Amino acid sequence: MKLTLRRFINLALLAIMALACGILDSVYEHRDYPRGAPWLYGENIPGNNLSVNGVITFFYAMIT
């Protein structure tokens, strides 16, 4: 029982961290893209959606 609870807590913490990564990625891109942030170099391609990038980051973090 305790082992299952620990696993659930670990998975919940990982999910929370992945959610935070996705949200912060989207917030930082919305805030810093107009300012010309150096880590966003080459991001001005057609169809680039800053909100979708946050969702993609969330799923990559969940996979990791």
N, C-alpha and C. Protein backbone atom coordinates (compact mmCIF):
# COMPACT_ATOMS: atom_id res chain seq x y z
N MET A 1 0.83 -1.20 0.00
CA MET A 1 0.00 0.00 0.00
C MET A 1 0.86 1.25 0.00
N LYS A 2 1.89 1.28 0.86
CA LYS A 2 2.73 2.47 0.92
C LYS A 2 3.50 2.68 -0.37
N LEU A 3 3.95 1.58 -0.98
CA LEU A 3 4.70 1.68 -2.22
C LEU A 3 3.83 2.26 -3.33
N THR A 4 2.59 1.86 -3.38
CA THR A 4 1.68 2.38 -4.39
C THR A 4 1.40 3.86 -4.15
N LEU A 5 1.24 4.24 -2.90
CA LEU A 5 1.00 5.64 -2.57
C LEU A 5 2.22 6.48 -2.93
N ARG A 6 3.42 5.99 -2.67
CA ARG A 6 4.63 6.72 -3.03
C ARG A 6 4.74 6.91 -4.54
N ARG A 7 4.42 5.86 -5.28
CA ARG A 7 4.47 5.97 -6.73
C ARG A 7 3.47 7.00 -7.24
N PHE A 8 2.28 6.99 -6.65
CA PHE A 8 1.27 7.96 -7.05
C PHE A 8 1.73 9.38 -6.74
N ILE A 9 2.32 9.57 -5.57
CA ILE A 9 2.82 10.90 -5.21
C ILE A 9 3.93 11.32 -6.16
N ASN A 10 4.84 10.41 -6.49
CA ASN A 10 5.92 10.74 -7.43
C ASN A 10 5.36 11.12 -8.80
N LEU A 11 4.40 10.36 -9.28
CA LEU A 11 3.80 10.67 -10.57
C LEU A 11 3.05 12.00 -10.53
N ALA A 12 2.39 12.27 -9.42
CA ALA A 12 1.69 13.54 -9.28
C ALA A 12 2.68 14.72 -9.28
N LEU A 13 3.80 14.56 -8.59
CA LEU A 13 4.81 15.61 -8.59
C LEU A 13 5.38 15.83 -9.99
N LEU A 14 5.63 14.76 -10.71
CA LEU A 14 6.13 14.89 -12.07
C LEU A 14 5.11 15.58 -12.98
N ALA A 15 3.84 15.26 -12.80
CA ALA A 15 2.80 15.90 -13.60
C ALA A 15 2.71 17.40 -13.28
N ILE A 16 2.83 17.75 -12.01
CA ILE A 16 2.80 19.16 -11.61
C ILE A 16 3.99 19.91 -12.20
N MET A 17 5.17 19.29 -12.17
CA MET A 17 6.35 19.93 -12.74
C MET A 17 6.21 20.08 -14.25
N ALA A 18 5.64 19.09 -14.93
CA ALA A 18 5.44 19.19 -16.37
C ALA A 18 4.43 20.29 -16.70
N LEU A 19 3.39 20.40 -15.90
CA LEU A 19 2.40 21.45 -16.10
C LEU A 19 3.04 22.82 -15.91
N ALA A 20 3.85 22.97 -14.88
CA ALA A 20 4.54 24.23 -14.64
C ALA A 20 5.47 24.58 -15.80
N CYS A 21 6.18 23.59 -16.33
CA CYS A 21 7.07 23.83 -17.48
C CYS A 21 6.27 24.32 -18.68
N GLY A 22 5.16 23.68 -18.96
CA GLY A 22 4.34 24.09 -20.10
C GLY A 22 3.77 25.48 -19.95
N ILE A 23 3.27 25.79 -18.77
CA ILE A 23 2.69 27.12 -18.53
C ILE A 23 3.77 28.18 -18.61
N LEU A 24 4.90 27.96 -17.96
CA LEU A 24 5.96 28.96 -17.97
C LEU A 24 6.57 29.14 -19.36
N ASP A 25 6.66 28.07 -20.13
CA ASP A 25 7.16 28.21 -21.49
C ASP A 25 6.25 29.11 -22.31
N SER A 26 4.96 28.90 -22.19
CA SER A 26 4.01 29.73 -22.92
C SER A 26 4.06 31.18 -22.45
N VAL A 27 4.12 31.39 -21.14
CA VAL A 27 4.17 32.75 -20.59
C VAL A 27 5.44 33.47 -21.04
N TYR A 28 6.57 32.79 -20.95
CA TYR A 28 7.83 33.41 -21.35
C TYR A 28 7.86 33.72 -22.84
N GLU A 29 7.31 32.84 -23.66
CA GLU A 29 7.31 33.10 -25.10
C GLU A 29 6.38 34.27 -25.44
N HIS A 30 5.21 34.34 -24.80
CA HIS A 30 4.31 35.47 -25.05
C HIS A 30 4.95 36.78 -24.59
N ARG A 31 5.66 36.75 -23.47
CA ARG A 31 6.24 37.96 -22.92
C ARG A 31 7.50 38.39 -23.68
N ASP A 32 8.36 37.43 -23.99
CA ASP A 32 9.68 37.78 -24.51
C ASP A 32 9.80 37.70 -26.02
N TYR A 33 8.85 37.10 -26.72
CA TYR A 33 8.94 37.03 -28.18
C TYR A 33 8.94 38.42 -28.81
N PRO A 34 8.03 39.32 -28.39
CA PRO A 34 8.06 40.66 -28.99
C PRO A 34 9.34 41.44 -28.67
N ARG A 35 10.02 41.10 -27.60
CA ARG A 35 11.25 41.79 -27.20
C ARG A 35 12.48 41.28 -27.94
N GLY A 36 12.31 40.24 -28.73
CA GLY A 36 13.45 39.70 -29.48
C GLY A 36 14.40 38.88 -28.62
N ALA A 37 13.84 38.01 -27.81
CA ALA A 37 14.66 37.18 -26.92
C ALA A 37 15.60 36.30 -27.75
N PRO A 38 16.88 36.20 -27.34
CA PRO A 38 17.84 35.45 -28.14
C PRO A 38 17.51 33.96 -28.26
N TRP A 39 16.87 33.36 -27.26
CA TRP A 39 16.57 31.93 -27.33
C TRP A 39 15.39 31.64 -28.26
N LEU A 40 14.73 32.69 -28.74
CA LEU A 40 13.64 32.52 -29.68
C LEU A 40 14.06 32.89 -31.09
N TYR A 41 15.36 32.87 -31.36
CA TYR A 41 15.87 33.21 -32.69
C TYR A 41 15.34 32.20 -33.72
N GLY A 42 14.85 32.70 -34.82
CA GLY A 42 14.34 31.84 -35.87
C GLY A 42 12.93 31.33 -35.62
N GLU A 43 12.22 31.88 -34.65
CA GLU A 43 10.87 31.42 -34.32
C GLU A 43 9.80 32.13 -35.13
N ASN A 44 10.19 33.07 -35.97
CA ASN A 44 9.19 33.83 -36.72
C ASN A 44 8.84 33.11 -38.02
N ILE A 45 8.32 31.91 -37.89
CA ILE A 45 7.90 31.14 -39.05
C ILE A 45 6.37 31.14 -39.09
N PRO A 46 5.79 31.03 -40.28
CA PRO A 46 4.33 31.02 -40.35
C PRO A 46 3.74 29.81 -39.61
N GLY A 47 2.66 30.03 -38.95
CA GLY A 47 1.99 28.95 -38.23
C GLY A 47 2.56 28.69 -36.84
N ASN A 48 3.49 29.52 -36.39
CA ASN A 48 4.06 29.34 -35.06
C ASN A 48 3.09 29.91 -34.03
N ASN A 49 2.53 29.05 -33.20
CA ASN A 49 1.57 29.47 -32.18
C ASN A 49 2.24 29.33 -30.82
N LEU A 50 2.37 30.43 -30.11
CA LEU A 50 3.08 30.42 -28.84
C LEU A 50 2.34 29.61 -27.77
N SER A 51 1.02 29.56 -27.83
CA SER A 51 0.27 28.78 -26.85
C SER A 51 0.43 27.29 -27.10
N VAL A 52 0.46 26.90 -28.36
CA VAL A 52 0.63 25.49 -28.69
C VAL A 52 2.02 25.02 -28.28
N ASN A 53 3.01 25.90 -28.37
CA ASN A 53 4.36 25.54 -27.93
C ASN A 53 4.39 25.17 -26.45
N GLY A 54 3.59 25.84 -25.63
CA GLY A 54 3.50 25.49 -24.22
C GLY A 54 2.89 24.12 -24.00
N VAL A 55 1.89 23.78 -24.80
CA VAL A 55 1.26 22.46 -24.71
C VAL A 55 2.26 21.37 -25.14
N ILE A 56 3.00 21.65 -26.20
CA ILE A 56 4.00 20.69 -26.66
C ILE A 56 5.07 20.49 -25.59
N THR A 57 5.50 21.57 -24.95
CA THR A 57 6.48 21.46 -23.87
C THR A 57 5.93 20.61 -22.73
N PHE A 58 4.64 20.77 -22.40
CA PHE A 58 4.02 19.96 -21.35
C PHE A 58 4.10 18.48 -21.69
N PHE A 59 3.75 18.12 -22.94
CA PHE A 59 3.76 16.71 -23.31
C PHE A 59 5.18 16.15 -23.38
N TYR A 60 6.13 16.95 -23.83
CA TYR A 60 7.53 16.49 -23.82
C TYR A 60 8.01 16.26 -22.39
N ALA A 61 7.60 17.13 -21.48
CA ALA A 61 7.98 16.94 -20.08
C ALA A 61 7.32 15.69 -19.50
N MET A 62 6.10 15.40 -19.89
CA MET A 62 5.44 14.18 -19.42
C MET A 62 6.13 12.93 -19.96
N ILE A 63 6.59 12.98 -21.21
CA ILE A 63 7.29 11.85 -21.78
C ILE A 63 8.61 11.61 -21.06
N THR A 64 9.28 12.70 -20.76
CA THR A 64 10.58 12.59 -20.10
C THR A 64 10.40 12.05 -18.71
